[in-house]
Amino acid sequence: MITKKITQDQVDNLGEKIVDSWDMDDLVCYARDKLEQYLINLTDEEFMLEYNAYFDEEE
């Protein structure tokens, strides 16, 4: 196996290039999928904390 050390800057740069190559619909779909996965894995208590952070009744 061939390996090469790369810097964090190189990793970040590659990540930016990959994301920049996506169109907006793909980015929205990706973000929704990630959010859905995150919310599904929350306990009821964790979900309510997240919910209240966005939809605080005091507003």
C-alpha atoms as a PDB file:
ATOM      1  CA  MET A   1       0.000   0.000   0.000  1.00  0.00           C
ATOM      2  CA  ILE A   2       1.326   3.430  -0.909  1.00  0.00           C
ATOM      3  CA  THR A   3       0.780   6.144   1.665  1.00  0.00           C
ATOM      4  CA  LYS A   4       1.557   9.825   1.640  1.00  0.00           C
ATOM      5  CA  LYS A   5       1.408  12.264   4.513  1.00  0.00           C
ATOM      6  CA  ILE A   6      -0.832  15.206   3.787  1.00  0.00           C
ATOM      7  CA  THR A   7      -1.404  18.334   5.817  1.00  0.00           C
ATOM      8  CA  GLN A   8      -4.708  19.424   7.309  1.00  0.00           C
ATOM      9  CA  ASP A   9      -4.671  22.369   4.898  1.00  0.00           C
ATOM     10  CA  GLN A  10      -4.497  19.946   1.973  1.00  0.00           C
ATOM     11  CA  VAL A  11      -7.414  17.955   3.390  1.00  0.00           C
ATOM     12  CA  ASP A  12      -9.446  21.144   3.918  1.00  0.00           C
ATOM     13  CA  ASN A  13      -8.625  22.359   0.403  1.00  0.00           C
ATOM     14  CA  LEU A  14      -9.715  19.061  -1.124  1.00  0.00           C
ATOM     15  CA  GLY A  15     -12.934  19.132   0.903  1.00  0.00           C
ATOM     16  CA  GLU A  16     -13.686  22.650  -0.324  1.00  0.00           C
ATOM     17  CA  LYS A  17     -13.076  21.618  -3.937  1.00  0.00           C
ATOM     18  CA  ILE A  18     -15.427  18.656  -3.583  1.00  0.00           C
ATOM     19  CA  VAL A  19     -18.198  20.748  -2.028  1.00  0.00           C
ATOM     20  CA  ASP A  20     -17.701  23.532  -4.585  1.00  0.00           C
ATOM     21  CA  SER A  21     -18.238  20.968  -7.343  1.00  0.00           C
ATOM     22  CA  TRP A  22     -21.739  20.100  -6.058  1.00  0.00           C
ATOM     23  CA  ASP A  23     -24.779  22.015  -7.196  1.00  0.00           C
ATOM     24  CA  MET A  24     -27.165  23.602  -4.684  1.00  0.00           C
ATOM     25  CA  ASP A  25     -29.778  20.820  -4.938  1.00  0.00           C
ATOM     26  CA  ASP A  26     -27.150  18.211  -4.052  1.00  0.00           C
ATOM     27  CA  LEU A  27     -25.943  20.289  -1.095  1.00  0.00           C
ATOM     28  CA  VAL A  28     -29.489  20.740   0.229  1.00  0.00           C
ATOM     29  CA  CYS A  29     -30.214  17.018  -0.132  1.00  0.00           C
ATOM     30  CA  TYR A  30     -26.948  16.133   1.623  1.00  0.00           C
ATOM     31  CA  ALA A  31     -27.644  18.561   4.475  1.00  0.00           C
ATOM     32  CA  ARG A  32     -31.186  17.226   4.952  1.00  0.00           C
ATOM     33  CA  ASP A  33     -29.922  13.643   5.050  1.00  0.00           C
ATOM     34  CA  LYS A  34     -27.284  14.539   7.651  1.00  0.00           C
ATOM     35  CA  LEU A  35     -29.818  16.454   9.759  1.00  0.00           C
ATOM     36  CA  GLU A  36     -32.302  13.589   9.572  1.00  0.00           C
ATOM     37  CA  GLN A  37     -29.628  11.088  10.678  1.00  0.00           C
ATOM     38  CA  TYR A  38     -28.677  13.369  13.567  1.00  0.00           C
ATOM     39  CA  LEU A  39     -32.264  13.856  14.749  1.00  0.00           C
ATOM     40  CA  ILE A  40     -33.143  10.160  14.488  1.00  0.00           C
ATOM     41  CA  ASN A  41     -30.278   9.292  16.840  1.00  0.00           C
ATOM     42  CA  LEU A  42     -31.322  11.736  19.571  1.00  0.00           C
ATOM     43  CA  THR A  43     -33.113  10.646  22.713  1.00  0.00           C
ATOM     44  CA  ASP A  44     -36.449  12.316  23.438  1.00  0.00           C
ATOM     45  CA  GLU A  45     -34.784  14.630  25.940  1.00  0.00           C
ATOM     46  CA  GLU A  46     -31.996  15.595  23.519  1.00  0.00           C
ATOM     47  CA  PHE A  47     -34.556  16.193  20.786  1.00  0.00           C
ATOM     48  CA  MET A  48     -36.569  18.538  23.010  1.00  0.00           C
ATOM     49  CA  LEU A  49     -33.415  20.491  23.874  1.00  0.00           C
ATOM     50  CA  GLU A  50     -32.671  20.928  20.162  1.00  0.00           C
ATOM     51  CA  TYR A  51     -36.301  21.781  19.415  1.00  0.00           C
ATOM     52  CA  ASN A  52     -36.429  24.412  22.139  1.00  0.00           C
ATOM     53  CA  ALA A  53     -33.164  25.935  20.929  1.00  0.00           C
ATOM     54  CA  TYR A  54     -34.792  26.660  17.555  1.00  0.00           C
ATOM     55  CA  PHE A  55     -38.404  27.233  18.550  1.00  0.00           C
ATOM     56  CA  ASP A  56     -38.100  28.919  21.923  1.00  0.00           C
ATOM     57  CA  GLU A  57     -41.566  29.852  23.192  1.00  0.00           C
ATOM     58  CA  GLU A  58     -40.221  33.019  24.846  1.00  0.00           C
ATOM     59  CA  GLU A  59     -39.879  34.791  21.497  1.00  0.00           C
END
